């Protein structure tokens, strides 16, 4: 049994998770409500999440990477996104430049790469860039799509273009802080899974106003989509956005949420990786084993080139992963290979 000074109910839930027995939503809620930031219990919570991740994934760490394709105002104008505020002039990466950045990430040692575009980006153009990127990548290298909602026929088109996974989520307060339908987001996720695309999912964008109940819902709603990768991400204050005045949570607060998320989903059979964003050593000690490098645009950064702002490089992420005591995976990630893994 765990030592005195730790709430008995909290201790029992943590011990249950340490033995890889699934914890229930109510138990995750107890952890979020009862464990105080910077407490002894939080130290134990984070240590437990760190332990199960290292055991489940054999102490292996990974670097995901993402190329943002277009700097443009997005007509959806989500309340937290840099693309929802005034953009002085639109600019897109050419197909050649986008493919060069994809290839650079792969050559630098990233274990997977994704392409991201705003909701207004032409789907056919996205597919053309995807095909060109696939032609330059090893056959078993994961290529993920981070785009707007799509139909089942579009999911098949993404697969045929060489994509192996999608980053897609039903965000916190979807339909309130965004103009998007949670049901449509769900249909998109199910369409991706139906054709064999892997899903990388995230509890995001977490802000100070989100309740423990909302966070638990955000964690457990992912299970339906059998994610191979899970993560947490806090909302970053972007000046000019409608939610900027609400502020943002600290990295320590996110670390607590990261630990609870890890313990909640570590027993899911589909899970192959635990991420957190943006890169931080705290998260790598609270259940995460994946960090993300970025180039191009970034919805949390008003700069059109995030590598000059919030974005980290592959080397930055790899160094952080090594400093956390993980062994950095060499070669393609198995987590986002979708049909290539079969």
Foldseek 3Di string as FASTA:
>chain_A
DDDPPEPPLLVVLLVCLLVLNADDLVSLLCLLPVDDFPGPSLLVLQQSLLVLLCVLQVLEFAEEEEEEFKQEQAPFLQQQFLSNFDDPDIDGDDLVRRLVVLLVQVVVFHQAYEYEYEAPPDLVVVLVSLLVNCVNDPLQAAYEYEYDQDALVSLVSNVVSPHQAYEAFCEQVRCNSTVDDSVSSVNSLVSNVVVFFAYAYEHDQAFPPDHSSSLSCRLVVCLVSLHQEYEYHYRAQDPPGNCNVRHIDDVSSVLSSLSSSSSNCSSRPSYNAYAYPADDLSNSSRNHRYHYAYFADDRRDNDRTCCVPVGDGPVVRVVSNVVSPGHYDGYHDPRGSGPSND
